[in-house]
């Protein structure tokens, strides 16, 4: 397994990069980090090294906004994996809370 990172300005630029990466190679979206109110967004993907490399290169070369930084990490250290999983779990928790709130709202109606 390898990880790919693309950091770009704006949520729109990040969504564009993610779309390019997912369409160009067999990779899976893991998580994203938004800093400075979404001004800088880091998209993280995973997959086989060749697929992740191709996906990141395609995003860097084709995105509507030129990424500020990008990297591919082959066989990441367990601490890097733990950091990425922590980020992904925060997003999953937020989604679960939102779903619970939506479900309770539907039951009230």
N, C-alpha and C. Protein backbone atom coordinates (compact mmCIF):
# COMPACT_ATOMS: atom_id res chain seq x y z
N UNK A 1 0.83 -1.18 0.00
CA UNK A 1 0.00 0.00 0.00
C UNK A 1 0.88 1.24 0.00
N UNK A 2 0.39 2.28 -0.66
CA UNK A 2 1.08 3.56 -0.64
C UNK A 2 0.04 4.65 -0.45
N UNK A 3 0.51 5.82 -0.04
CA UNK A 3 -0.35 6.98 0.17
C UNK A 3 0.05 8.08 -0.79
N UNK A 4 -0.94 8.82 -1.28
CA UNK A 4 -0.70 9.97 -2.13
C UNK A 4 -1.33 11.20 -1.52
N UNK A 5 -0.64 12.30 -1.58
CA UNK A 5 -1.09 13.56 -1.00
C UNK A 5 -1.04 14.65 -2.06
N UNK A 6 -2.10 15.43 -2.16
CA UNK A 6 -2.12 16.61 -3.02
C UNK A 6 -2.71 17.74 -2.21
N UNK A 7 -1.95 18.83 -2.07
CA UNK A 7 -2.43 20.00 -1.35
C UNK A 7 -2.68 21.11 -2.35
N UNK A 8 -3.87 21.68 -2.27
CA UNK A 8 -4.27 22.67 -3.25
C UNK A 8 -5.09 23.75 -2.56
N UNK A 9 -5.13 24.92 -3.15
CA UNK A 9 -5.95 26.00 -2.61
C UNK A 9 -7.40 25.77 -2.98
N UNK A 10 -8.30 25.94 -2.04
CA UNK A 10 -9.75 25.92 -2.16
C UNK A 10 -10.34 24.51 -2.19
N UNK A 11 -11.53 24.43 -1.68
CA UNK A 11 -12.26 23.17 -1.69
C UNK A 11 -12.57 22.76 -3.12
N UNK A 12 -12.91 23.72 -3.96
CA UNK A 12 -13.20 23.41 -5.36
C UNK A 12 -11.99 22.79 -6.05
N UNK A 13 -10.82 23.35 -5.82
CA UNK A 13 -9.60 22.78 -6.39
C UNK A 13 -9.34 21.38 -5.87
N UNK A 14 -9.63 21.14 -4.59
CA UNK A 14 -9.42 19.83 -4.01
C UNK A 14 -10.38 18.80 -4.60
N UNK A 15 -11.64 19.18 -4.77
CA UNK A 15 -12.61 18.26 -5.35
C UNK A 15 -12.21 17.93 -6.79
N UNK A 16 -11.73 18.92 -7.52
CA UNK A 16 -11.26 18.68 -8.89
C UNK A 16 -10.10 17.69 -8.89
N UNK A 17 -9.14 17.88 -7.99
CA UNK A 17 -7.99 16.96 -7.91
C UNK A 17 -8.45 15.55 -7.55
N UNK A 18 -9.36 15.44 -6.60
CA UNK A 18 -9.85 14.12 -6.21
C UNK A 18 -10.55 13.43 -7.37
N UNK A 19 -11.35 14.17 -8.11
CA UNK A 19 -12.05 13.61 -9.26
C UNK A 19 -11.05 13.09 -10.30
N UNK A 20 -10.04 13.88 -10.57
CA UNK A 20 -9.00 13.47 -11.53
C UNK A 20 -8.30 12.21 -11.04
N UNK A 21 -7.92 12.18 -9.77
CA UNK A 21 -7.18 11.04 -9.24
C UNK A 21 -8.02 9.76 -9.28
N UNK A 22 -9.27 9.86 -8.87
CA UNK A 22 -10.13 8.66 -8.83
C UNK A 22 -10.48 8.15 -10.23
N UNK A 23 -10.57 9.05 -11.19
CA UNK A 23 -10.89 8.64 -12.56
C UNK A 23 -9.67 8.11 -13.32
N UNK A 24 -8.48 8.49 -12.90
CA UNK A 24 -7.29 8.14 -13.68
C UNK A 24 -6.58 6.88 -13.21
N UNK A 25 -6.91 6.37 -12.02
CA UNK A 25 -6.21 5.19 -11.51
C UNK A 25 -7.07 4.51 -10.46
N UNK A 26 -6.71 3.28 -10.15
CA UNK A 26 -7.42 2.49 -9.15
C UNK A 26 -6.93 2.88 -7.76
N UNK A 27 -7.46 3.99 -7.25
CA UNK A 27 -7.09 4.50 -5.93
C UNK A 27 -8.36 4.70 -5.12
N UNK A 28 -8.18 4.83 -3.80
CA UNK A 28 -9.30 5.04 -2.90
C UNK A 28 -9.08 6.31 -2.10
N UNK A 29 -10.11 7.14 -2.04
CA UNK A 29 -10.07 8.34 -1.20
C UNK A 29 -10.04 7.91 0.26
N UNK A 30 -9.11 8.47 1.02
CA UNK A 30 -8.99 8.13 2.44
C UNK A 30 -9.56 9.24 3.30
N UNK A 31 -9.08 10.45 3.11
CA UNK A 31 -9.53 11.57 3.93
C UNK A 31 -9.05 12.88 3.31
N UNK A 32 -9.45 13.97 3.93
CA UNK A 32 -8.93 15.27 3.53
C UNK A 32 -8.76 16.11 4.77
N UNK A 33 -7.88 17.06 4.69
CA UNK A 33 -7.63 18.01 5.76
C UNK A 33 -7.80 19.41 5.21
N UNK A 34 -8.62 20.19 5.89
CA UNK A 34 -8.83 21.59 5.48
C UNK A 34 -8.23 22.49 6.55
N UNK A 35 -7.34 23.34 6.14
CA UNK A 35 -6.70 24.28 7.05
C UNK A 35 -6.99 25.70 6.57
N UNK A 36 -6.89 26.62 7.48
CA UNK A 36 -7.12 28.03 7.16
C UNK A 36 -8.50 28.25 6.54
N UNK A 37 -9.53 27.60 7.11
CA UNK A 37 -10.88 27.78 6.63
C UNK A 37 -11.12 27.19 5.25
N UNK A 38 -10.39 26.20 4.87
CA UNK A 38 -10.54 25.58 3.56
C UNK A 38 -9.67 26.22 2.50
N UNK A 39 -8.85 27.19 2.90
CA UNK A 39 -7.97 27.85 1.92
C UNK A 39 -6.95 26.87 1.36
N UNK A 40 -6.39 26.02 2.23
CA UNK A 40 -5.51 24.95 1.79
C UNK A 40 -6.16 23.62 2.15
N UNK A 41 -6.28 22.75 1.17
CA UNK A 41 -6.92 21.46 1.38
C UNK A 41 -5.97 20.37 0.91
N UNK A 42 -5.75 19.38 1.77
CA UNK A 42 -4.92 18.24 1.42
C UNK A 42 -5.81 17.02 1.22
N UNK A 43 -5.74 16.44 0.04
CA UNK A 43 -6.47 15.22 -0.29
C UNK A 43 -5.50 14.05 -0.11
N UNK A 44 -5.97 12.98 0.54
CA UNK A 44 -5.14 11.80 0.76
C UNK A 44 -5.83 10.59 0.12
N UNK A 45 -5.07 9.88 -0.71
CA UNK A 45 -5.57 8.67 -1.37
C UNK A 45 -4.66 7.51 -1.03
N UNK A 46 -5.14 6.28 -1.29
CA UNK A 46 -4.29 5.11 -1.10
C UNK A 46 -4.50 4.13 -2.23
N UNK A 47 -3.52 3.25 -2.41
CA UNK A 47 -3.59 2.22 -3.43
C UNK A 47 -2.21 1.67 -3.71
N UNK A 48 -2.09 0.93 -4.79
CA UNK A 48 -0.80 0.41 -5.21
C UNK A 48 0.09 1.57 -5.64
N UNK A 49 1.38 1.43 -5.45
CA UNK A 49 2.31 2.53 -5.72
C UNK A 49 2.18 3.08 -7.14
N UNK A 50 2.04 2.22 -8.13
CA UNK A 50 1.94 2.69 -9.51
C UNK A 50 0.65 3.48 -9.73
N UNK A 51 -0.44 3.02 -9.14
CA UNK A 51 -1.73 3.71 -9.30
C UNK A 51 -1.71 5.05 -8.58
N UNK A 52 -1.18 5.08 -7.38
CA UNK A 52 -1.12 6.34 -6.61
C UNK A 52 -0.22 7.34 -7.32
N UNK A 53 0.92 6.89 -7.81
CA UNK A 53 1.84 7.78 -8.52
C UNK A 53 1.16 8.37 -9.76
N UNK A 54 0.50 7.52 -10.54
CA UNK A 54 -0.19 8.00 -11.74
C UNK A 54 -1.30 8.98 -11.37
N UNK A 55 -2.06 8.68 -10.33
CA UNK A 55 -3.17 9.55 -9.93
C UNK A 55 -2.66 10.92 -9.48
N UNK A 56 -1.62 10.94 -8.66
CA UNK A 56 -1.07 12.22 -8.18
C UNK A 56 -0.49 13.02 -9.34
N UNK A 57 0.27 12.37 -10.22
CA UNK A 57 0.84 13.08 -11.37
C UNK A 57 -0.25 13.65 -12.27
N UNK A 58 -1.31 12.90 -12.50
CA UNK A 58 -2.41 13.41 -13.33
C UNK A 58 -3.08 14.60 -12.69
N UNK A 59 -3.28 14.56 -11.37
CA UNK A 59 -3.90 15.70 -10.68
C UNK A 59 -3.00 16.93 -10.76
N UNK A 60 -1.71 16.74 -10.55
CA UNK A 60 -0.77 17.86 -10.60
C UNK A 60 -0.75 18.50 -11.99
N UNK A 61 -0.83 17.67 -13.03
CA UNK A 61 -0.74 18.18 -14.40
C UNK A 61 -2.06 18.67 -14.98
N UNK A 62 -3.20 18.25 -14.42
CA UNK A 62 -4.48 18.56 -15.05
C UNK A 62 -5.43 19.39 -14.21
N UNK A 63 -5.12 19.66 -12.97
CA UNK A 63 -6.06 20.34 -12.08
C UNK A 63 -6.32 21.77 -12.51
N UNK A 64 -7.51 22.27 -12.15
CA UNK A 64 -7.86 23.65 -12.50
C UNK A 64 -7.04 24.66 -11.71
N UNK A 65 -6.56 24.25 -10.54
CA UNK A 65 -5.68 25.08 -9.73
C UNK A 65 -4.40 24.27 -9.48
N UNK A 66 -3.26 24.86 -9.76
CA UNK A 66 -1.99 24.15 -9.59
C UNK A 66 -1.78 23.83 -8.11
N UNK A 67 -1.59 22.55 -7.78
CA UNK A 67 -1.35 22.18 -6.39
C UNK A 67 -0.12 22.86 -5.80
N UNK A 68 -0.22 23.19 -4.52
CA UNK A 68 0.89 23.82 -3.81
C UNK A 68 1.96 22.80 -3.44
N UNK A 69 1.52 21.55 -3.21
CA UNK A 69 2.46 20.49 -2.83
C UNK A 69 1.84 19.15 -3.17
N UNK A 70 2.68 18.16 -3.35
CA UNK A 70 2.20 16.80 -3.58
C UNK A 70 3.30 15.81 -3.19
N UNK A 71 2.88 14.59 -2.84
CA UNK A 71 3.84 13.56 -2.45
C UNK A 71 3.21 12.19 -2.60
N UNK A 72 4.06 11.21 -2.80
CA UNK A 72 3.66 9.81 -2.79
C UNK A 72 4.59 9.11 -1.81
N UNK A 73 4.00 8.35 -0.89
CA UNK A 73 4.79 7.61 0.09
C UNK A 73 4.52 6.13 -0.12
N UNK A 74 5.52 5.42 -0.58
CA UNK A 74 5.42 3.97 -0.73
C UNK A 74 5.71 3.32 0.61
N UNK A 75 4.91 2.35 0.97
CA UNK A 75 5.10 1.61 2.22
C UNK A 75 5.29 2.55 3.41
N UNK A 76 4.27 3.37 3.72
CA UNK A 76 4.42 4.36 4.79
C UNK A 76 4.67 3.72 6.16
N UNK A 77 5.37 4.44 6.99
CA UNK A 77 5.65 4.02 8.36
C UNK A 77 4.33 3.89 9.12
N UNK A 78 4.24 2.98 10.08
CA UNK A 78 3.00 2.82 10.85
C UNK A 78 2.50 4.10 11.52
N UNK A 79 3.40 4.99 11.91
CA UNK A 79 2.98 6.25 12.53
C UNK A 79 2.30 7.16 11.51
N UNK A 80 2.74 7.12 10.26
CA UNK A 80 2.09 7.90 9.21
C UNK A 80 0.69 7.33 8.96
N UNK A 81 0.59 6.01 8.92
CA UNK A 81 -0.71 5.38 8.73
C UNK A 81 -1.65 5.74 9.88
N UNK A 82 -1.14 5.73 11.10
CA UNK A 82 -1.95 6.09 12.27
C UNK A 82 -2.45 7.52 12.17
N UNK A 83 -1.62 8.43 11.73
CA UNK A 83 -2.01 9.83 11.56
C UNK A 83 -3.13 9.98 10.53
N UNK A 84 -3.00 9.28 9.42
CA UNK A 84 -4.02 9.34 8.36
C UNK A 84 -5.32 8.71 8.86
N UNK A 85 -5.23 7.59 9.57
CA UNK A 85 -6.42 6.94 10.10
C UNK A 85 -7.13 7.83 11.12
N UNK A 86 -6.38 8.57 11.91
CA UNK A 86 -6.96 9.50 12.87
C UNK A 86 -7.78 10.57 12.15
N UNK A 87 -7.22 11.11 11.09
CA UNK A 87 -7.93 12.10 10.28
C UNK A 87 -9.21 11.52 9.70
N UNK A 88 -9.11 10.31 9.15
CA UNK A 88 -10.27 9.66 8.55
C UNK A 88 -11.34 9.37 9.59
N UNK A 89 -10.94 8.99 10.81
CA UNK A 89 -11.92 8.68 11.85
C UNK A 89 -12.66 9.93 12.31
N UNK A 90 -11.99 11.07 12.31
CA UNK A 90 -12.68 12.33 12.67
C UNK A 90 -13.77 12.64 11.66
N UNK A 91 -13.49 12.43 10.40
CA UNK A 91 -14.50 12.69 9.36
C UNK A 91 -15.64 11.69 9.48
N UNK A 92 -15.33 10.43 9.72
CA UNK A 92 -16.36 9.41 9.86
C UNK A 92 -17.27 9.73 11.05
N UNK A 93 -16.69 10.20 12.14
CA UNK A 93 -17.47 10.57 13.33
C UNK A 93 -18.42 11.73 13.01
N UNK A 94 -17.92 12.74 12.31
CA UNK A 94 -18.77 13.87 11.93
C UNK A 94 -19.92 13.42 11.03
N UNK A 95 -19.63 12.53 10.08
CA UNK A 95 -20.67 12.03 9.19
C UNK A 95 -21.72 11.23 9.96
N UNK A 96 -21.29 10.42 10.91
CA UNK A 96 -22.22 9.64 11.72
C UNK A 96 -23.11 10.55 12.56
N UNK A 97 -22.53 11.60 13.14
CA UNK A 97 -23.32 12.55 13.92
C UNK A 97 -24.34 13.27 13.05
N UNK A 98 -23.93 13.65 11.84
CA UNK A 98 -24.84 14.32 10.92
C UNK A 98 -25.98 13.39 10.52
N UNK A 99 -25.66 12.12 10.25
CA UNK A 99 -26.68 11.14 9.87
C UNK A 99 -27.67 10.94 11.01
N UNK A 100 -27.17 10.87 12.23
CA UNK A 100 -28.04 10.70 13.40
C UNK A 100 -28.97 11.90 13.55
N UNK A 101 -28.42 13.10 13.36
CA UNK A 101 -29.25 14.32 13.44
C UNK A 101 -30.30 14.33 12.33
N UNK A 102 -29.92 13.93 11.13
CA UNK A 102 -30.87 13.88 10.02
C UNK A 102 -31.96 12.85 10.28
N UNK A 103 -31.59 11.70 10.82
CA UNK A 103 -32.57 10.65 11.12
C UNK A 103 -33.56 11.09 12.19
N UNK A 104 -33.07 11.78 13.22
CA UNK A 104 -33.98 12.24 14.28
C UNK A 104 -34.91 13.32 13.75
N UNK A 105 -34.43 14.14 12.85
CA UNK A 105 -35.28 15.18 12.25
C UNK A 105 -36.39 14.54 11.42
N UNK A 106 -36.09 13.51 10.67
CA UNK A 106 -37.08 12.82 9.84
C UNK A 106 -38.13 12.17 10.73
N UNK A 107 -37.73 11.58 11.85
CA UNK A 107 -38.68 10.93 12.76
C UNK A 107 -39.62 11.93 13.38
N UNK A 108 -39.16 13.15 13.62
CA UNK A 108 -40.01 14.19 14.22
C UNK A 108 -41.09 14.67 13.28
N UNK A 109 -40.85 14.60 11.98
CA UNK A 109 -41.79 15.12 10.99
C UNK A 109 -42.89 14.19 10.77
